[in-house]
Amino acid sequence: MSTTMHRLAGALALVLVVAAAPPARAPAAPAASAVIRLLPEAPVQGDTLTVLVSIPDRARASALWDRTPVPTFPVGRVVRALVGTDPDTAAGVHTIHVAVTDEDGAAQHLSRTVRLRAARFAVRRLTLPPKTFGLITPANLAIERQVLGPVLGRRTAVAWWHGPFEAPSTGPMDSPYGEQGLYNGHREWWHMGVDFQAPAGAPVTAANAGTIALARALPLGGNTVVIDHGQGVLTEYLHLAAFAVREGDRVERGALIGRIGATGLVTGPSLHWGLYVNGIPVNPLFWMAPRPGLTALE
């Protein structure tokens, strides 16, 4: 074969190789930016922080409050994380860290800081009869933890509540959230909810829609109802005289769940109402106001 023929054959082979090669892929476009919205803007101890994250389609998000993981759930077109605070949550600057991963595995990390202000909590001094005070024993405390722990640890994916929460009793409120309790001169625990004074037998109603997660007698809480409202939000109702619901029942806001009583660690007919966010006992009165992304539509 002549030199010219060799050159023609080589050129033809090069053309074939180039033609067979797949076109080069364009560089992957960066993932769409996620956006964090954090409410309320000036929280105090006992408030619930709402973290709303706008993310691309088919992406997923995880969240940390300082170094503690916080569950995230889809709500409409955003992902929401709820952070409960209480009197034991340190006042000062905290960090919300969110990691967003798109369907191609590209990750985006965002952080926001929030300053939690200190709240002022009063001291409550109570004198209990010896029989009532005697209920505070390690054994009874262990029973309460054993029963309530798994219930308050529920993290149902669906949010059943809608709109602001309603007071479960029409009686006057006393013993506000966060009070430091002194029982017969002994410092016990701070008040993890709000008490209502009402006559024995007065109705107790569901603060919002949900599923009855617990309805049974406990040593300290007395006849106790816990409602799972979904996504780590639960309310509890203590010291009831009687139950009007069973575990597993679905209830709507305002449904009758029990009657005011004086069972458990209590000095007379009353209702203790508590609200938990991912296991943290928060101020339930915070949830009675319309709040964007939480108890009100945008």
C-alpha atoms as a PDB file:
ATOM      1  CA  MET A   1       0.000   0.000   0.000  1.00  0.00           C
ATOM      2  CA  SER A   2       1.339   3.415  -0.972  1.00  0.00           C
ATOM      3  CA  THR A   3       2.117   6.141   1.535  1.00  0.00           C
ATOM      4  CA  THR A   4      -0.886   8.114   0.292  1.00  0.00           C
ATOM      5  CA  MET A   5      -3.177   5.125   0.841  1.00  0.00           C
ATOM      6  CA  HIS A   6      -1.823   4.691   4.407  1.00  0.00           C
ATOM      7  CA  ARG A   7      -2.597   8.332   5.136  1.00  0.00           C
ATOM      8  CA  LEU A   8      -6.137   8.024   3.750  1.00  0.00           C
ATOM      9  CA  ALA A   9      -6.816   4.882   5.811  1.00  0.00           C
ATOM     10  CA  GLY A  10      -5.533   6.533   8.997  1.00  0.00           C
ATOM     11  CA  ALA A  11      -7.654   9.601   8.446  1.00  0.00           C
ATOM     12  CA  LEU A  12     -10.741   7.450   7.842  1.00  0.00           C
ATOM     13  CA  ALA A  13     -10.135   5.487  11.091  1.00  0.00           C
ATOM     14  CA  LEU A  14      -9.806   8.741  13.017  1.00  0.00           C
ATOM     15  CA  VAL A  15     -13.092   9.999  11.572  1.00  0.00           C
ATOM     16  CA  LEU A  16     -14.820   6.733  12.570  1.00  0.00           C
ATOM     17  CA  VAL A  17     -13.500   6.880  16.151  1.00  0.00           C
ATOM     18  CA  VAL A  18     -14.574  10.495  16.557  1.00  0.00           C
ATOM     19  CA  ALA A  19     -18.008   9.753  15.112  1.00  0.00           C
ATOM     20  CA  ALA A  20     -18.491   6.772  17.449  1.00  0.00           C
ATOM     21  CA  ALA A  21     -17.460   8.640  20.614  1.00  0.00           C
ATOM     22  CA  PRO A  22     -20.413   9.806  22.740  1.00  0.00           C
ATOM     23  CA  PRO A  23     -20.843  13.546  23.112  1.00  0.00           C
ATOM     24  CA  ALA A  24     -19.201  14.996  26.201  1.00  0.00           C
ATOM     25  CA  ARG A  25     -21.655  15.595  29.131  1.00  0.00           C
ATOM     26  CA  ALA A  26     -22.162  19.148  30.155  1.00  0.00           C
ATOM     27  CA  PRO A  27     -21.151  19.927  33.750  1.00  0.00           C
ATOM     28  CA  ALA A  28     -23.966  19.146  36.188  1.00  0.00           C
ATOM     29  CA  ALA A  29     -25.996  22.167  37.122  1.00  0.00           C
ATOM     30  CA  PRO A  30     -25.778  23.102  40.799  1.00  0.00           C
ATOM     31  CA  ALA A  31     -28.676  21.982  42.967  1.00  0.00           C
ATOM     32  CA  ALA A  32     -31.420  24.523  43.405  1.00  0.00           C
ATOM     33  CA  SER A  33     -30.872  26.547  46.543  1.00  0.00           C
ATOM     34  CA  ALA A  34     -32.825  25.681  49.654  1.00  0.00           C
ATOM     35  CA  VAL A  35     -34.229  28.467  51.812  1.00  0.00           C
ATOM     36  CA  ILE A  36     -34.730  28.398  55.585  1.00  0.00           C
ATOM     37  CA  ARG A  37     -37.415  30.324  57.416  1.00  0.00           C
ATOM     38  CA  LEU A  38     -37.309  30.331  61.216  1.00  0.00           C
ATOM     39  CA  LEU A  39     -40.240  31.435  63.433  1.00  0.00           C
ATOM     40  CA  PRO A  40     -40.804  33.144  65.821  1.00  0.00           C
ATOM     41  CA  GLU A  41     -38.067  35.680  65.310  1.00  0.00           C
ATOM     42  CA  ALA A  42     -37.593  36.399  69.043  1.00  0.00           C
ATOM     43  CA  PRO A  43     -38.448  33.204  70.957  1.00  0.00           C
ATOM     44  CA  VAL A  44     -38.402  32.765  74.728  1.00  0.00           C
ATOM     45  CA  GLN A  45     -37.964  29.632  76.821  1.00  0.00           C
ATOM     46  CA  GLY A  46     -41.059  27.468  76.449  1.00  0.00           C
ATOM     47  CA  ASP A  47     -41.773  28.532  72.868  1.00  0.00           C
ATOM     48  CA  THR A  48     -41.838  26.138  69.908  1.00  0.00           C
ATOM     49  CA  LEU A  49     -39.564  27.039  67.001  1.00  0.00           C
ATOM     50  CA  THR A  50     -40.871  26.306  63.513  1.00  0.00           C
ATOM     51  CA  VAL A  51     -38.199  25.646  60.878  1.00  0.00           C
ATOM     52  CA  LEU A  52     -39.564  25.766  57.332  1.00  0.00           C
ATOM     53  CA  VAL A  53     -37.256  24.643  54.524  1.00  0.00           C
ATOM     54  CA  SER A  54     -38.077  25.188  50.851  1.00  0.00           C
ATOM     55  CA  ILE A  55     -36.296  22.448  48.904  1.00  0.00           C
ATOM     56  CA  PRO A  56     -36.152  21.288  45.257  1.00  0.00           C
ATOM     57  CA  ASP A  57     -38.493  18.554  44.038  1.00  0.00           C
ATOM     58  CA  ARG A  58     -37.495  15.032  45.092  1.00  0.00           C
ATOM     59  CA  ALA A  59     -34.890  16.377  47.514  1.00  0.00           C
ATOM     60  CA  ARG A  60     -34.750  15.443  51.190  1.00  0.00           C
ATOM     61  CA  ALA A  61     -33.734  17.433  54.247  1.00  0.00           C
ATOM     62  CA  SER A  62     -32.399  16.700  57.714  1.00  0.00           C
ATOM     63  CA  ALA A  63     -32.023  19.120  60.614  1.00  0.00           C
ATOM     64  CA  LEU A  64     -29.970  19.606  63.773  1.00  0.00           C
ATOM     65  CA  TRP A  65     -30.757  21.871  66.743  1.00  0.00           C
ATOM     66  CA  ASP A  66     -27.227  22.572  67.917  1.00  0.00           C
ATOM     67  CA  ARG A  67     -26.002  18.939  67.739  1.00  0.00           C
ATOM     68  CA  THR A  68     -29.322  17.209  68.349  1.00  0.00           C
ATOM     69  CA  PRO A  69     -31.208  15.683  65.375  1.00  0.00           C
ATOM     70  CA  VAL A  70     -34.723  17.036  64.846  1.00  0.00           C
ATOM     71  CA  PRO A  71     -37.321  15.091  62.810  1.00  0.00           C
ATOM     72  CA  THR A  72     -38.385  16.684  59.530  1.00  0.00           C
ATOM     73  CA  PHE A  73     -41.723  16.135  57.788  1.00  0.00           C
ATOM     74  CA  PRO A  74     -43.185  17.395  54.504  1.00  0.00           C
ATOM     75  CA  VAL A  75     -45.938  19.974  54.908  1.00  0.00           C
ATOM     76  CA  GLY A  76     -47.356  21.164  51.613  1.00  0.00           C
ATOM     77  CA  ARG A  77     -44.477  22.435  49.484  1.00  0.00           C
ATOM     78  CA  VAL A  78     -41.962  22.728  52.322  1.00  0.00           C
ATOM     79  CA  VAL A  79     -40.268  20.538  54.898  1.00  0.00           C
ATOM     80  CA  ARG A  80     -40.908  21.413  58.535  1.00  0.00           C
ATOM     81  CA  ALA A  81     -38.935  20.743  61.697  1.00  0.00           C
ATOM     82  CA  LEU A  82     -40.283  21.653  65.140  1.00  0.00           C
ATOM     83  CA  VAL A  83     -37.953  22.489  68.017  1.00  0.00           C
ATOM     84  CA  GLY A  84     -39.387  22.504  71.517  1.00  0.00           C
ATOM     85  CA  THR A  85     -37.801  24.595  74.260  1.00  0.00           C
ATOM     86  CA  ASP A  86     -38.443  24.597  78.011  1.00  0.00           C
ATOM     87  CA  PRO A  87     -37.021  26.200  81.192  1.00  0.00           C
ATOM     88  CA  ASP A  88     -34.041  23.823  80.986  1.00  0.00           C
ATOM     89  CA  THR A  89     -33.119  25.018  77.473  1.00  0.00           C
ATOM     90  CA  ALA A  90     -30.226  27.424  77.898  1.00  0.00           C
ATOM     91  CA  ALA A  91     -30.936  31.043  77.061  1.00  0.00           C
ATOM     92  CA  GLY A  92     -28.583  32.456  74.445  1.00  0.00           C
ATOM     93  CA  VAL A  93     -27.536  31.667  70.886  1.00  0.00           C
ATOM     94  CA  HIS A  94     -28.437  28.320  69.313  1.00  0.00           C
ATOM     95  CA  THR A  95     -27.874  26.997  65.792  1.00  0.00           C
ATOM     96  CA  ILE A  96     -30.224  25.343  63.338  1.00  0.00           C
ATOM     97  CA  HIS A  97     -28.311  23.335  60.734  1.00  0.00           C
ATOM     98  CA  VAL A  98     -30.110  21.906  57.698  1.00  0.00           C
ATOM     99  CA  ALA A  99     -28.674  19.503  55.126  1.00  0.00           C
ATOM    100  CA  VAL A 100     -30.520  19.209  51.822  1.00  0.00           C
ATOM    101  CA  THR A 101     -29.703  16.381  49.400  1.00  0.00           C
ATOM    102  CA  ASP A 102     -31.141  16.344  45.883  1.00  0.00           C
ATOM    103  CA  GLU A 103     -31.975  13.261  43.813  1.00  0.00           C
ATOM    104  CA  ASP A 104     -28.472  13.230  42.291  1.00  0.00           C
ATOM    105  CA  GLY A 105     -26.815  13.182  45.714  1.00  0.00           C
ATOM    106  CA  ALA A 106     -25.637  16.789  45.637  1.00  0.00           C
ATOM    107  CA  ALA A 107     -25.749  18.219  49.159  1.00  0.00           C
ATOM    108  CA  GLN A 108     -26.319  21.734  50.380  1.00  0.00           C
ATOM    109  CA  HIS A 109     -25.721  22.805  53.977  1.00  0.00           C
ATOM    110  CA  LEU A 110     -27.374  25.808  55.571  1.00  0.00           C
ATOM    111  CA  SER A 111     -27.179  27.219  59.085  1.00  0.00           C
ATOM    112  CA  ARG A 112     -29.146  29.820  60.970  1.00  0.00           C
ATOM    113  CA  THR A 113     -28.614  31.126  64.475  1.00  0.00           C
ATOM    114  CA  VAL A 114     -31.357  32.120  66.869  1.00  0.00           C
ATOM    115  CA  ARG A 115     -31.175  33.845  70.235  1.00  0.00           C
ATOM    116  CA  LEU A 116     -33.447  32.273  72.835  1.00  0.00           C
ATOM    117  CA  ARG A 117     -34.453  34.748  75.507  1.00  0.00           C
ATOM    118  CA  ALA A 118     -34.825  33.802  79.158  1.00  0.00           C
ATOM    119  CA  ALA A 119     -38.357  33.686  80.538  1.00  0.00           C
ATOM    120  CA  ARG A 120     -39.325  34.522  84.096  1.00  0.00           C
ATOM    121  CA  PHE A 121     -40.906  31.643  85.954  1.00  0.00           C
ATOM    122  CA  ALA A 122     -42.513  31.954  89.365  1.00  0.00           C
ATOM    123  CA  VAL A 123     -42.162  29.586  92.319  1.00  0.00           C
ATOM    124  CA  ARG A 124     -45.168  27.563  93.451  1.00  0.00           C
ATOM    125  CA  ARG A 125     -45.318  26.454  97.088  1.00  0.00           C
ATOM    126  CA  LEU A 126     -47.791  23.700  97.916  1.00  0.00           C
ATOM    127  CA  THR A 127     -48.535  21.873 101.127  1.00  0.00           C
ATOM    128  CA  LEU A 128     -49.762  18.379 100.369  1.00  0.00           C
ATOM    129  CA  PRO A 129     -51.371  15.922 102.796  1.00  0.00           C
ATOM    130  CA  PRO A 130     -48.924  13.185 103.822  1.00  0.00           C
ATOM    131  CA  LYS A 131     -50.853  10.570 101.842  1.00  0.00           C
ATOM    132  CA  THR A 132     -50.696  12.665  98.656  1.00  0.00           C
ATOM    133  CA  PHE A 133     -47.057  13.695  99.147  1.00  0.00           C
ATOM    134  CA  GLY A 134     -46.254  10.031  99.710  1.00  0.00           C
ATOM    135  CA  LEU A 135     -47.120   9.328  96.070  1.00  0.00           C
ATOM    136  CA  ILE A 136     -43.794  10.883  95.033  1.00  0.00           C
ATOM    137  CA  THR A 137     -41.658   7.752  95.204  1.00  0.00           C
ATOM    138  CA  PRO A 138     -38.943   6.350  92.935  1.00  0.00           C
ATOM    139  CA  ALA A 139     -41.230   3.413  92.112  1.00  0.00           C
ATOM    140  CA  ASN A 140     -44.123   5.621  91.002  1.00  0.00           C
ATOM    141  CA  LEU A 141     -41.814   7.879  89.019  1.00  0.00           C
ATOM    142  CA  ALA A 142     -40.407   4.807  87.277  1.00  0.00           C
ATOM    143  CA  ILE A 143     -43.920   3.616  86.368  1.00  0.00           C
ATOM    144  CA  GLU A 144     -44.755   7.009  84.863  1.00  0.00           C
ATOM    145  CA  ARG A 145     -41.562   7.024  82.798  1.00  0.00           C
ATOM    146  CA  GLN A 146     -42.102   3.449  81.636  1.00  0.00           C
ATOM    147  CA  VAL A 147     -45.640   4.153  80.438  1.00  0.00           C
ATOM    148  CA  LEU A 148     -45.289   7.710  79.143  1.00  0.00           C
ATOM    149  CA  GLY A 149     -41.853   7.332  77.546  1.00  0.00           C
ATOM    150  CA  PRO A 150     -42.933   5.265  74.514  1.00  0.00           C
ATOM    151  CA  VAL A 151     -46.137   7.291  74.117  1.00  0.00           C
ATOM    152  CA  LEU A 152     -44.412  10.671  74.101  1.00  0.00           C
ATOM    153  CA  GLY A 153     -41.785   9.176  71.791  1.00  0.00           C
ATOM    154  CA  ARG A 154     -44.310   8.685  68.984  1.00  0.00           C
ATOM    155  CA  ARG A 155     -43.411  10.444  65.724  1.00  0.00           C
ATOM    156  CA  THR A 156     -46.412   9.982  63.443  1.00  0.00           C
ATOM    157  CA  ALA A 157     -45.661  11.254  59.932  1.00  0.00           C
ATOM    158  CA  VAL A 158     -49.058  12.922  59.357  1.00  0.00           C
ATOM    159  CA  ALA A 159     -49.991  16.209  61.056  1.00  0.00           C
ATOM    160  CA  TRP A 160     -53.622  15.840  62.149  1.00  0.00           C
ATOM    161  CA  TRP A 161     -53.944  19.178  63.919  1.00  0.00           C
ATOM    162  CA  HIS A 162     -55.220  22.247  62.122  1.00  0.00           C
ATOM    163  CA  GLY A 163     -55.555  25.800  63.367  1.00  0.00           C
ATOM    164  CA  PRO A 164     -54.826  27.048  66.889  1.00  0.00           C
ATOM    165  CA  PHE A 165     -55.218  24.695  69.838  1.00  0.00           C
ATOM    166  CA  GLU A 166     -58.143  25.321  72.178  1.00  0.00           C
ATOM    167  CA  ALA A 167     -58.207  25.252  75.979  1.00  0.00           C
ATOM    168  CA  PRO A 168     -59.478  21.841  77.088  1.00  0.00           C
ATOM    169  CA  SER A 169     -61.554  23.317  79.930  1.00  0.00           C
ATOM    170  CA  THR A 170     -63.697  26.413  80.438  1.00  0.00           C
ATOM    171  CA  GLY A 171     -62.463  26.725  84.025  1.00  0.00           C
ATOM    172  CA  PRO A 172     -60.026  29.479  85.039  1.00  0.00           C
ATOM    173  CA  MET A 173     -56.345  28.772  84.464  1.00  0.00           C
ATOM    174  CA  ASP A 174     -53.953  28.722  87.399  1.00  0.00           C
ATOM    175  CA  SER A 175     -50.490  27.262  88.076  1.00  0.00           C
ATOM    176  CA  PRO A 176     -48.941  28.521  84.836  1.00  0.00           C
ATOM    177  CA  TYR A 177     -46.324  26.757  82.780  1.00  0.00           C
ATOM    178  CA  GLY A 178     -42.752  26.765  84.069  1.00  0.00           C
ATOM    179  CA  GLU A 179     -43.395  27.386  87.768  1.00  0.00           C
ATOM    180  CA  GLN A 180     -40.797  25.821  90.038  1.00  0.00           C
ATOM    181  CA  GLY A 181     -42.612  23.471  92.401  1.00  0.00           C
ATOM    182  CA  LEU A 182     -41.932  23.364  96.140  1.00  0.00           C
ATOM    183  CA  TYR A 183     -43.966  20.554  97.686  1.00  0.00           C
ATOM    184  CA  ASN A 184     -43.948  20.565 101.501  1.00  0.00           C
ATOM    185  CA  GLY A 185     -40.743  22.578 101.340  1.00  0.00           C
ATOM    186  CA  HIS A 186     -38.988  20.180  98.946  1.00  0.00           C
ATOM    187  CA  ARG A 187     -38.052  21.380  95.467  1.00  0.00           C
ATOM    188  CA  GLU A 188     -39.440  18.910  92.972  1.00  0.00           C
ATOM    189  CA  TRP A 189     -39.893  19.706  89.252  1.00  0.00           C
ATOM    190  CA  TRP A 190     -41.041  22.700  87.284  1.00  0.00           C
ATOM    191  CA  HIS A 191     -44.624  22.758  86.064  1.00  0.00           C
ATOM    192  CA  MET A 192     -44.783  21.134  82.645  1.00  0.00           C
ATOM    193  CA  GLY A 193     -48.144  22.542  81.609  1.00  0.00           C
ATOM    194  CA  VAL A 194     -51.113  24.649  82.682  1.00  0.00           C
ATOM    195  CA  ASP A 195     -53.744  23.803  85.308  1.00  0.00           C
ATOM    196  CA  PHE A 196     -57.463  24.531  85.132  1.00  0.00           C
ATOM    197  CA  GLN A 197     -59.751  24.731  88.161  1.00  0.00           C
ATOM    198  CA  ALA A 198     -63.246  23.400  87.523  1.00  0.00           C
ATOM    199  CA  PRO A 199     -65.904  21.414  89.402  1.00  0.00           C
ATOM    200  CA  ALA A 200     -65.591  17.648  89.504  1.00  0.00           C
ATOM    201  CA  GLY A 201     -67.335  16.134  86.505  1.00  0.00           C
ATOM    202  CA  ALA A 202     -66.925  19.187  84.263  1.00  0.00           C
ATOM    203  CA  PRO A 203     -66.076  18.282  80.651  1.00  0.00           C
ATOM    204  CA  VAL A 204     -62.530  18.001  79.323  1.00  0.00           C
ATOM    205  CA  THR A 205     -62.189  18.355  75.550  1.00  0.00           C
ATOM    206  CA  ALA A 206     -59.494  17.660  72.951  1.00  0.00           C
ATOM    207  CA  ALA A 207     -57.319  20.688  72.240  1.00  0.00           C
ATOM    208  CA  ASN A 208     -57.053  19.671  68.576  1.00  0.00           C
ATOM    209  CA  ALA A 209     -57.520  16.736  66.237  1.00  0.00           C
ATOM    210  CA  GLY A 210     -55.541  13.558  66.706  1.00  0.00           C
ATOM    211  CA  THR A 211     -55.458   9.943  67.866  1.00  0.00           C
ATOM    212  CA  ILE A 212     -55.808   8.791  71.473  1.00  0.00           C
ATOM    213  CA  ALA A 213     -52.372   7.390  72.276  1.00  0.00           C
ATOM    214  CA  LEU A 214     -53.036   6.709  75.977  1.00  0.00           C
ATOM    215  CA  ALA A 215     -56.073   6.448  78.242  1.00  0.00           C
ATOM    216  CA  ARG A 216     -55.245   4.795  81.554  1.00  0.00           C
ATOM    217  CA  ALA A 217     -54.613   5.386  85.260  1.00  0.00           C
ATOM    218  CA  LEU A 218     -51.120   6.392  86.445  1.00  0.00           C
ATOM    219  CA  PRO A 219     -49.806   6.860  90.003  1.00  0.00           C
ATOM    220  CA  LEU A 220     -49.043  10.605  89.734  1.00  0.00           C
ATOM    221  CA  GLY A 221     -51.000  11.749  86.701  1.00  0.00           C
ATOM    222  CA  GLY A 222     -54.087   9.882  87.828  1.00  0.00           C
ATOM    223  CA  ASN A 223     -56.473   9.057  85.014  1.00  0.00           C
ATOM    224  CA  THR A 224     -54.458  10.250  82.037  1.00  0.00           C
ATOM    225  CA  VAL A 225     -55.248  10.851  78.369  1.00  0.00           C
ATOM    226  CA  VAL A 226     -52.574  11.579  75.748  1.00  0.00           C
ATOM    227  CA  ILE A 227     -53.504  12.668  72.217  1.00  0.00           C
ATOM    228  CA  ASP A 228     -51.068  12.200  69.333  1.00  0.00           C
ATOM    229  CA  HIS A 229     -51.564  15.142  66.947  1.00  0.00           C
ATOM    230  CA  GLY A 230     -48.841  13.907  64.581  1.00  0.00           C
ATOM    231  CA  GLN A 231     -45.270  14.879  63.697  1.00  0.00           C
ATOM    232  CA  GLY A 232     -44.043  14.686  67.294  1.00  0.00           C
ATOM    233  CA  VAL A 233     -46.786  16.882  68.798  1.00  0.00           C
ATOM    234  CA  LEU A 234     -48.778  15.384  71.692  1.00  0.00           C
ATOM    235  CA  THR A 235     -51.026  16.780  74.431  1.00  0.00           C
ATOM    236  CA  GLU A 236     -51.727  15.241  77.834  1.00  0.00           C
ATOM    237  CA  TYR A 237     -54.663  15.615  80.224  1.00  0.00           C
ATOM    238  CA  LEU A 238     -54.184  14.549  83.855  1.00  0.00           C
ATOM    239  CA  HIS A 239     -56.232  13.880  87.009  1.00  0.00           C
ATOM    240  CA  LEU A 240     -59.445  12.934  85.182  1.00  0.00           C
ATOM    241  CA  ALA A 241     -62.395  11.432  87.041  1.00  0.00           C
ATOM    242  CA  ALA A 242     -63.538   9.401  84.034  1.00  0.00           C
ATOM    243  CA  PHE A 243     -62.589   8.613  80.449  1.00  0.00           C
ATOM    244  CA  ALA A 244     -64.788   9.296  77.426  1.00  0.00           C
ATOM    245  CA  VAL A 245     -62.344   7.786  74.902  1.00  0.00           C
ATOM    246  CA  ARG A 246     -60.297   4.652  74.328  1.00  0.00           C
ATOM    247  CA  GLU A 247     -56.769   4.210  73.024  1.00  0.00           C
ATOM    248  CA  GLY A 248     -56.799   4.272  69.233  1.00  0.00           C
ATOM    249  CA  ASP A 249     -59.859   6.535  68.898  1.00  0.00           C
ATOM    250  CA  ARG A 250     -59.675   9.427  66.456  1.00  0.00           C
ATOM    251  CA  VAL A 251     -60.933  12.732  67.864  1.00  0.00           C
ATOM    252  CA  GLU A 252     -61.528  16.212  66.522  1.00  0.00           C
ATOM    253  CA  ARG A 253     -60.863  19.512  68.259  1.00  0.00           C
ATOM    254  CA  GLY A 254     -63.461  20.064  70.962  1.00  0.00           C
ATOM    255  CA  ALA A 255     -64.442  16.386  71.320  1.00  0.00           C
ATOM    256  CA  LEU A 256     -65.244  15.182  74.836  1.00  0.00           C
ATOM    257  CA  ILE A 257     -62.369  13.018  76.144  1.00  0.00           C
ATOM    258  CA  GLY A 258     -63.024  12.914  79.896  1.00  0.00           C
ATOM    259  CA  ARG A 259     -64.265  14.622  83.061  1.00  0.00           C
ATOM    260  CA  ILE A 260     -62.516  16.837  85.621  1.00  0.00           C
ATOM    261  CA  GLY A 261     -61.371  14.815  88.613  1.00  0.00           C
ATOM    262  CA  ALA A 262     -58.928  14.672  91.513  1.00  0.00           C
ATOM    263  CA  THR A 263     -56.962  11.494  90.770  1.00  0.00           C
ATOM    264  CA  GLY A 264     -53.205  11.187  91.253  1.00  0.00           C
ATOM    265  CA  LEU A 265     -50.920  13.887  92.693  1.00  0.00           C
ATOM    266  CA  VAL A 266     -53.457  16.679  93.164  1.00  0.00           C
ATOM    267  CA  THR A 267     -55.126  18.515  96.053  1.00  0.00           C
ATOM    268  CA  GLY A 268     -58.611  18.840  94.527  1.00  0.00           C
ATOM    269  CA  PRO A 269     -60.592  18.743  91.290  1.00  0.00           C
ATOM    270  CA  SER A 270     -58.463  20.191  88.505  1.00  0.00           C
ATOM    271  CA  LEU A 271     -57.022  19.489  85.078  1.00  0.00           C
ATOM    272  CA  HIS A 272     -53.365  19.556  84.101  1.00  0.00           C
ATOM    273  CA  TRP A 273     -52.879  20.201  80.389  1.00  0.00           C
ATOM    274  CA  GLY A 274     -49.463  19.682  78.821  1.00  0.00           C
ATOM    275  CA  LEU A 275     -48.112  19.836  75.276  1.00  0.00           C
ATOM    276  CA  TYR A 276     -44.997  18.014  74.074  1.00  0.00           C
ATOM    277  CA  VAL A 277     -42.924  18.667  70.953  1.00  0.00           C
ATOM    278  CA  ASN A 278     -40.553  15.807  70.166  1.00  0.00           C
ATOM    279  CA  GLY A 279     -40.560  14.870  73.843  1.00  0.00           C
ATOM    280  CA  ILE A 280     -39.987  18.407  75.166  1.00  0.00           C
ATOM    281  CA  PRO A 281     -42.754  19.837  77.411  1.00  0.00           C
ATOM    282  CA  VAL A 282     -43.387  23.257  75.874  1.00  0.00           C
ATOM    283  CA  ASN A 283     -45.759  26.063  76.856  1.00  0.00           C
ATOM    284  CA  PRO A 284     -49.184  24.960  75.535  1.00  0.00           C
ATOM    285  CA  LEU A 285     -50.485  28.557  75.521  1.00  0.00           C
ATOM    286  CA  PHE A 286     -48.030  29.317  72.688  1.00  0.00           C
ATOM    287  CA  TRP A 287     -50.054  26.943  70.499  1.00  0.00           C
ATOM    288  CA  MET A 288     -53.348  28.748  71.146  1.00  0.00           C
ATOM    289  CA  ALA A 289     -52.418  31.651  68.847  1.00  0.00           C
ATOM    290  CA  PRO A 290     -52.443  31.656  65.012  1.00  0.00           C
ATOM    291  CA  ARG A 291     -48.819  31.187  63.926  1.00  0.00           C
ATOM    292  CA  PRO A 292     -47.709  30.914  60.286  1.00  0.00           C
ATOM    293  CA  GLY A 293     -46.464  27.472  59.360  1.00  0.00           C
ATOM    294  CA  LEU A 294     -47.680  26.021  62.660  1.00  0.00           C
ATOM    295  CA  THR A 295     -51.257  26.837  63.651  1.00  0.00           C
ATOM    296  CA  ALA A 296     -52.259  29.144  60.780  1.00  0.00           C
ATOM    297  CA  LEU A 297     -52.159  29.088  57.017  1.00  0.00           C
ATOM    298  CA  GLU A 298     -49.565  31.229  55.271  1.00  0.00           C
END
